[in-house]
Amino acid sequence: MTIPIIVLAALILTIAWVGLTYNRLVSLRLAAENSWAQIDVALKLRHDLIPTLAAAVAGYAGHEQETLARVAADRSLAVAADTEAPAARSAKEAQLGGSLGRMLILAEDYPELRATENFSRMQTDLAAVEERIAITRRVYNDTVETLNTKVQVFPSVLVARGFGFTAREFFAAGASAQVVPSVEIGSGSGPV
């Protein structure tokens, strides 16, 4: 009589553990999807800001068509990559970040452009968007790390495999995100 009770208790505990583990995996998957959606929103903000910024630079540095064309082409590639996996998308966003950085460096050669309130506001907006991208990337990658750990460690790997949970890709920061830019305040005061 005690053996059936022990077997029944073990079965109930196993079912409860499987249910709790499954629910935790679903929660982590949904958190990762939400975090990815936040990255997507931040990237769309960046994509929307770039044409206006490029037009402002073109107004003062119109003869720098190669740089401006590169920004436009890289933006188009980044926008078209919105359905790609995180690794592929991060590569295109890093390429866009590099050409955007080159365009902003080009703008440094035009003090009259830097002095305009509109350009200054756009640079501030871009800095805020870049910070938002960095924050959402960190949140996403932390969530993915937690999910991937749960999917790959024993014993939760048994539930993950049984219900088709898989590891997700990280959204890597591009090389431009790892370089701290120097900012010039005023004219001739040098980098800060």
C-alpha atoms as a PDB file:
ATOM      1  CA  MET A   1       0.000   0.000   0.000  1.00  0.00           C
ATOM      2  CA  THR A   2       2.838   2.460   0.685  1.00  0.00           C
ATOM      3  CA  ILE A   3       4.565   1.740  -2.632  1.00  0.00           C
ATOM      4  CA  PRO A   4       1.593   2.935  -4.740  1.00  0.00           C
ATOM      5  CA  ILE A   5       1.402   6.074  -2.579  1.00  0.00           C
ATOM      6  CA  ILE A   6       5.132   6.737  -3.064  1.00  0.00           C
ATOM      7  CA  VAL A   7       4.834   6.157  -6.813  1.00  0.00           C
ATOM      8  CA  LEU A   8       1.770   8.431  -6.984  1.00  0.00           C
ATOM      9  CA  ALA A   9       3.558  11.163  -4.977  1.00  0.00           C
ATOM     10  CA  ALA A  10       6.634  10.898  -7.224  1.00  0.00           C
ATOM     11  CA  LEU A  11       4.419  11.131 -10.296  1.00  0.00           C
ATOM     12  CA  ILE A  12       2.602  14.185  -8.941  1.00  0.00           C
ATOM     13  CA  LEU A  13       5.901  15.883  -8.045  1.00  0.00           C
ATOM     14  CA  THR A  14       7.315  15.128 -11.499  1.00  0.00           C
ATOM     15  CA  ILE A  15       4.233  16.523 -13.235  1.00  0.00           C
ATOM     16  CA  ALA A  16       4.364  19.631 -11.029  1.00  0.00           C
ATOM     17  CA  TRP A  17       8.076  20.121 -11.767  1.00  0.00           C
ATOM     18  CA  VAL A  18       7.496  19.699 -15.535  1.00  0.00           C
ATOM     19  CA  GLY A  19       4.639  22.212 -15.382  1.00  0.00           C
ATOM     20  CA  LEU A  20       6.667  24.765 -13.427  1.00  0.00           C
ATOM     21  CA  THR A  21       9.687  24.339 -15.696  1.00  0.00           C
ATOM     22  CA  TYR A  22       7.525  24.658 -18.811  1.00  0.00           C
ATOM     23  CA  ASN A  23       5.888  27.819 -17.472  1.00  0.00           C
ATOM     24  CA  ARG A  24       9.305  29.323 -16.645  1.00  0.00           C
ATOM     25  CA  LEU A  25      10.556  28.558 -20.168  1.00  0.00           C
ATOM     26  CA  VAL A  26       7.453  30.152 -21.711  1.00  0.00           C
ATOM     27  CA  SER A  27       7.905  33.194 -19.486  1.00  0.00           C
ATOM     28  CA  LEU A  28      11.545  33.555 -20.552  1.00  0.00           C
ATOM     29  CA  ARG A  29      10.667  33.102 -24.237  1.00  0.00           C
ATOM     30  CA  LEU A  30       7.994  35.803 -24.008  1.00  0.00           C
ATOM     31  CA  ALA A  31      10.390  38.128 -22.150  1.00  0.00           C
ATOM     32  CA  ALA A  32      12.981  37.606 -24.905  1.00  0.00           C
ATOM     33  CA  GLU A  33      10.374  38.368 -27.586  1.00  0.00           C
ATOM     34  CA  ASN A  34       9.303  41.516 -25.724  1.00  0.00           C
ATOM     35  CA  SER A  35      12.930  42.619 -25.352  1.00  0.00           C
ATOM     36  CA  TRP A  36      13.489  42.025 -29.061  1.00  0.00           C
ATOM     37  CA  ALA A  37      10.429  44.155 -29.839  1.00  0.00           C
ATOM     38  CA  GLN A  38      11.953  46.972 -27.755  1.00  0.00           C
ATOM     39  CA  ILE A  39      15.177  46.742 -29.781  1.00  0.00           C
ATOM     40  CA  ASP A  40      13.104  46.857 -32.951  1.00  0.00           C
ATOM     41  CA  VAL A  41      11.340  50.045 -31.817  1.00  0.00           C
ATOM     42  CA  ALA A  42      14.656  51.720 -30.943  1.00  0.00           C
ATOM     43  CA  LEU A  43      16.191  50.738 -34.291  1.00  0.00           C
ATOM     44  CA  LYS A  44      13.174  52.097 -36.163  1.00  0.00           C
ATOM     45  CA  LEU A  45      13.590  55.411 -34.307  1.00  0.00           C
ATOM     46  CA  ARG A  46      17.216  55.493 -35.435  1.00  0.00           C
ATOM     47  CA  HIS A  47      16.244  54.644 -39.022  1.00  0.00           C
ATOM     48  CA  ASP A  48      13.634  57.432 -39.020  1.00  0.00           C
ATOM     49  CA  LEU A  49      16.101  60.028 -37.705  1.00  0.00           C
ATOM     50  CA  ILE A  50      18.902  59.311 -40.193  1.00  0.00           C
ATOM     51  CA  PRO A  51      17.331  60.807 -43.372  1.00  0.00           C
ATOM     52  CA  THR A  52      16.729  64.137 -41.635  1.00  0.00           C
ATOM     53  CA  LEU A  53      20.241  64.162 -40.214  1.00  0.00           C
ATOM     54  CA  ALA A  54      21.727  63.249 -43.600  1.00  0.00           C
ATOM     55  CA  ALA A  55      19.705  65.993 -45.295  1.00  0.00           C
ATOM     56  CA  ALA A  56      21.048  68.545 -42.817  1.00  0.00           C
ATOM     57  CA  VAL A  57      24.622  67.437 -43.478  1.00  0.00           C
ATOM     58  CA  ALA A  58      23.989  67.409 -47.232  1.00  0.00           C
ATOM     59  CA  GLY A  59      22.846  71.044 -47.021  1.00  0.00           C
ATOM     60  CA  TYR A  60      26.299  72.048 -45.818  1.00  0.00           C
ATOM     61  CA  ALA A  61      28.470  69.273 -47.242  1.00  0.00           C
ATOM     62  CA  GLY A  62      26.636  68.388 -50.436  1.00  0.00           C
ATOM     63  CA  HIS A  63      29.893  67.665 -52.237  1.00  0.00           C
ATOM     64  CA  GLU A  64      30.510  64.725 -49.851  1.00  0.00           C
ATOM     65  CA  GLN A  65      28.130  62.542 -51.837  1.00  0.00           C
ATOM     66  CA  GLU A  66      30.061  59.309 -51.303  1.00  0.00           C
ATOM     67  CA  THR A  67      29.650  59.455 -47.512  1.00  0.00           C
ATOM     68  CA  LEU A  68      25.996  60.458 -47.749  1.00  0.00           C
ATOM     69  CA  ALA A  69      25.285  57.736 -50.323  1.00  0.00           C
ATOM     70  CA  ARG A  70      26.959  55.150 -48.044  1.00  0.00           C
ATOM     71  CA  VAL A  71      24.722  56.211 -45.128  1.00  0.00           C
ATOM     72  CA  ALA A  72      21.628  55.948 -47.335  1.00  0.00           C
ATOM     73  CA  ALA A  73      22.639  52.535 -48.678  1.00  0.00           C
ATOM     74  CA  ASP A  74      23.488  51.171 -45.222  1.00  0.00           C
ATOM     75  CA  ARG A  75      20.214  52.507 -43.830  1.00  0.00           C
ATOM     76  CA  SER A  76      18.325  50.734 -46.618  1.00  0.00           C
ATOM     77  CA  LEU A  77      20.123  47.477 -45.821  1.00  0.00           C
ATOM     78  CA  ALA A  78      19.370  47.867 -42.104  1.00  0.00           C
ATOM     79  CA  VAL A  79      15.695  48.634 -42.722  1.00  0.00           C
ATOM     80  CA  ALA A  80      15.401  45.646 -45.066  1.00  0.00           C
ATOM     81  CA  ALA A  81      16.958  43.393 -42.395  1.00  0.00           C
ATOM     82  CA  ASP A  82      14.107  43.941 -39.920  1.00  0.00           C
ATOM     83  CA  THR A  83      12.928  40.328 -40.266  1.00  0.00           C
ATOM     84  CA  GLU A  84      16.384  38.748 -40.098  1.00  0.00           C
ATOM     85  CA  ALA A  85      17.835  36.888 -37.135  1.00  0.00           C
ATOM     86  CA  PRO A  86      19.612  38.959 -34.457  1.00  0.00           C
ATOM     87  CA  ALA A  87      23.151  38.071 -35.606  1.00  0.00           C
ATOM     88  CA  ALA A  88      22.517  39.080 -39.233  1.00  0.00           C
ATOM     89  CA  ARG A  89      20.617  42.170 -38.212  1.00  0.00           C
ATOM     90  CA  SER A  90      23.281  43.295 -35.751  1.00  0.00           C
ATOM     91  CA  ALA A  91      25.909  43.086 -38.521  1.00  0.00           C
ATOM     92  CA  LYS A  92      23.872  45.391 -40.759  1.00  0.00           C
ATOM     93  CA  GLU A  93      23.141  47.769 -37.883  1.00  0.00           C
ATOM     94  CA  ALA A  94      26.861  47.877 -37.034  1.00  0.00           C
ATOM     95  CA  GLN A  95      27.623  48.756 -40.664  1.00  0.00           C
ATOM     96  CA  LEU A  96      25.015  51.533 -40.503  1.00  0.00           C
ATOM     97  CA  GLY A  97      26.496  52.770 -37.233  1.00  0.00           C
ATOM     98  CA  GLY A  98      29.930  52.971 -38.834  1.00  0.00           C
ATOM     99  CA  SER A  99      28.775  55.001 -41.822  1.00  0.00           C
ATOM    100  CA  LEU A 100      26.648  57.199 -39.570  1.00  0.00           C
ATOM    101  CA  GLY A 101      29.739  57.849 -37.453  1.00  0.00           C
ATOM    102  CA  ARG A 102      31.707  58.809 -40.565  1.00  0.00           C
ATOM    103  CA  MET A 103      28.941  61.222 -41.549  1.00  0.00           C
ATOM    104  CA  LEU A 104      28.998  62.845 -38.103  1.00  0.00           C
ATOM    105  CA  ILE A 105      32.775  63.147 -38.276  1.00  0.00           C
ATOM    106  CA  LEU A 106      32.306  64.822 -41.653  1.00  0.00           C
ATOM    107  CA  ALA A 107      29.884  67.261 -39.999  1.00  0.00           C
ATOM    108  CA  GLU A 108      32.676  68.270 -37.612  1.00  0.00           C
ATOM    109  CA  ASP A 109      34.365  70.003 -40.587  1.00  0.00           C
ATOM    110  CA  TYR A 110      31.418  72.394 -40.900  1.00  0.00           C
ATOM    111  CA  PRO A 111      31.174  74.653 -37.845  1.00  0.00           C
ATOM    112  CA  GLU A 112      28.208  76.504 -39.304  1.00  0.00           C
ATOM    113  CA  LEU A 113      26.307  73.202 -39.455  1.00  0.00           C
ATOM    114  CA  ARG A 114      27.225  72.284 -35.873  1.00  0.00           C
ATOM    115  CA  ALA A 115      26.067  75.733 -34.771  1.00  0.00           C
ATOM    116  CA  THR A 116      22.515  75.279 -36.070  1.00  0.00           C
ATOM    117  CA  GLU A 117      19.906  74.499 -33.441  1.00  0.00           C
ATOM    118  CA  ASN A 118      18.216  71.924 -35.676  1.00  0.00           C
ATOM    119  CA  PHE A 119      21.410  69.896 -36.180  1.00  0.00           C
ATOM    120  CA  SER A 120      22.242  70.140 -32.501  1.00  0.00           C
ATOM    121  CA  ARG A 121      18.775  68.827 -31.587  1.00  0.00           C
ATOM    122  CA  MET A 122      19.113  65.977 -34.088  1.00  0.00           C
ATOM    123  CA  GLN A 123      22.489  65.013 -32.618  1.00  0.00           C
ATOM    124  CA  THR A 124      20.939  65.006 -29.138  1.00  0.00           C
ATOM    125  CA  ASP A 125      18.039  62.886 -30.401  1.00  0.00           C
ATOM    126  CA  LEU A 126      20.456  60.480 -32.070  1.00  0.00           C
ATOM    127  CA  ALA A 127      22.498  60.170 -28.880  1.00  0.00           C
ATOM    128  CA  ALA A 128      19.312  59.395 -26.930  1.00  0.00           C
ATOM    129  CA  VAL A 129      18.274  56.764 -29.491  1.00  0.00           C
ATOM    130  CA  GLU A 130      21.742  55.178 -29.437  1.00  0.00           C
ATOM    131  CA  GLU A 131      21.563  54.996 -25.630  1.00  0.00           C
ATOM    132  CA  ARG A 132      18.120  53.401 -25.874  1.00  0.00           C
ATOM    133  CA  ILE A 133      19.458  50.844 -28.348  1.00  0.00           C
ATOM    134  CA  ALA A 134      22.319  50.033 -25.977  1.00  0.00           C
ATOM    135  CA  ILE A 135      19.980  49.606 -22.994  1.00  0.00           C
ATOM    136  CA  THR A 136      17.463  47.460 -24.875  1.00  0.00           C
ATOM    137  CA  ARG A 137      20.305  45.349 -26.294  1.00  0.00           C
ATOM    138  CA  ARG A 138      21.621  44.696 -22.780  1.00  0.00           C
ATOM    139  CA  VAL A 139      18.154  43.749 -21.504  1.00  0.00           C
ATOM    140  CA  TYR A 140      17.568  41.459 -24.495  1.00  0.00           C
ATOM    141  CA  ASN A 141      20.952  39.771 -24.185  1.00  0.00           C
ATOM    142  CA  ASP A 142      20.491  39.254 -20.431  1.00  0.00           C
ATOM    143  CA  THR A 143      17.078  37.708 -21.038  1.00  0.00           C
ATOM    144  CA  VAL A 144      18.444  35.497 -23.827  1.00  0.00           C
ATOM    145  CA  GLU A 145      21.302  34.378 -21.589  1.00  0.00           C
ATOM    146  CA  THR A 146      18.821  33.327 -18.887  1.00  0.00           C
ATOM    147  CA  LEU A 147      16.629  31.523 -21.429  1.00  0.00           C
ATOM    148  CA  ASN A 148      19.592  29.801 -23.102  1.00  0.00           C
ATOM    149  CA  THR A 149      20.923  28.649 -19.736  1.00  0.00           C
ATOM    150  CA  LYS A 150      17.535  27.206 -18.774  1.00  0.00           C
ATOM    151  CA  VAL A 151      17.224  25.501 -22.174  1.00  0.00           C
ATOM    152  CA  GLN A 152      20.684  23.911 -21.944  1.00  0.00           C
ATOM    153  CA  VAL A 153      21.173  22.867 -18.311  1.00  0.00           C
ATOM    154  CA  PHE A 154      20.061  19.623 -16.731  1.00  0.00           C
ATOM    155  CA  PRO A 155      17.332  18.816 -15.757  1.00  0.00           C
ATOM    156  CA  SER A 156      15.361  21.617 -17.459  1.00  0.00           C
ATOM    157  CA  VAL A 157      16.892  20.613 -20.806  1.00  0.00           C
ATOM    158  CA  LEU A 158      14.614  17.567 -20.690  1.00  0.00           C
ATOM    159  CA  VAL A 159      11.504  19.737 -20.624  1.00  0.00           C
ATOM    160  CA  ALA A 160      12.966  22.213 -23.128  1.00  0.00           C
ATOM    161  CA  ARG A 161      13.721  19.511 -25.681  1.00  0.00           C
ATOM    162  CA  GLY A 162      10.396  17.805 -25.072  1.00  0.00           C
ATOM    163  CA  PHE A 163       8.457  20.977 -25.801  1.00  0.00           C
ATOM    164  CA  GLY A 164      10.682  22.338 -28.577  1.00  0.00           C
ATOM    165  CA  PHE A 165      12.383  25.220 -26.783  1.00  0.00           C
ATOM    166  CA  THR A 166      15.650  26.244 -28.413  1.00  0.00           C
ATOM    167  CA  ALA A 167      18.451  28.664 -27.645  1.00  0.00           C
ATOM    168  CA  ARG A 168      18.164  32.155 -29.117  1.00  0.00           C
ATOM    169  CA  GLU A 169      20.824  34.334 -30.748  1.00  0.00           C
ATOM    170  CA  PHE A 170      22.334  37.306 -28.986  1.00  0.00           C
ATOM    171  CA  PHE A 171      22.173  40.794 -30.495  1.00  0.00           C
ATOM    172  CA  ALA A 172      25.821  41.781 -30.621  1.00  0.00           C
ATOM    173  CA  ALA A 173      27.015  45.336 -30.343  1.00  0.00           C
ATOM    174  CA  GLY A 174      28.818  46.544 -33.411  1.00  0.00           C
ATOM    175  CA  ALA A 175      32.345  47.878 -33.302  1.00  0.00           C
ATOM    176  CA  SER A 176      30.984  51.425 -33.393  1.00  0.00           C
ATOM    177  CA  ALA A 177      29.090  50.805 -30.137  1.00  0.00           C
ATOM    178  CA  GLN A 178      32.295  49.802 -28.387  1.00  0.00           C
ATOM    179  CA  VAL A 179      34.195  52.985 -29.252  1.00  0.00           C
ATOM    180  CA  VAL A 180      33.582  56.006 -27.054  1.00  0.00           C
ATOM    181  CA  PRO A 181      33.428  59.054 -29.319  1.00  0.00           C
ATOM    182  CA  SER A 182      35.148  62.261 -28.350  1.00  0.00           C
ATOM    183  CA  VAL A 183      32.793  65.207 -28.181  1.00  0.00           C
ATOM    184  CA  GLU A 184      33.874  68.742 -28.991  1.00  0.00           C
ATOM    185  CA  ILE A 185      32.306  71.492 -26.918  1.00  0.00           C
ATOM    186  CA  GLY A 186      32.508  74.952 -28.405  1.00  0.00           C
ATOM    187  CA  SER A 187      35.042  75.957 -31.007  1.00  0.00           C
ATOM    188  CA  GLY A 188      38.648  75.014 -30.569  1.00  0.00           C
ATOM    189  CA  SER A 189      38.359  73.699 -27.011  1.00  0.00           C
ATOM    190  CA  GLY A 190      39.552  70.261 -28.148  1.00  0.00           C
ATOM    191  CA  PRO A 191      38.114  66.846 -27.479  1.00  0.00           C
ATOM    192  CA  VAL A 192      36.635  66.171 -24.071  1.00  0.00           C
END
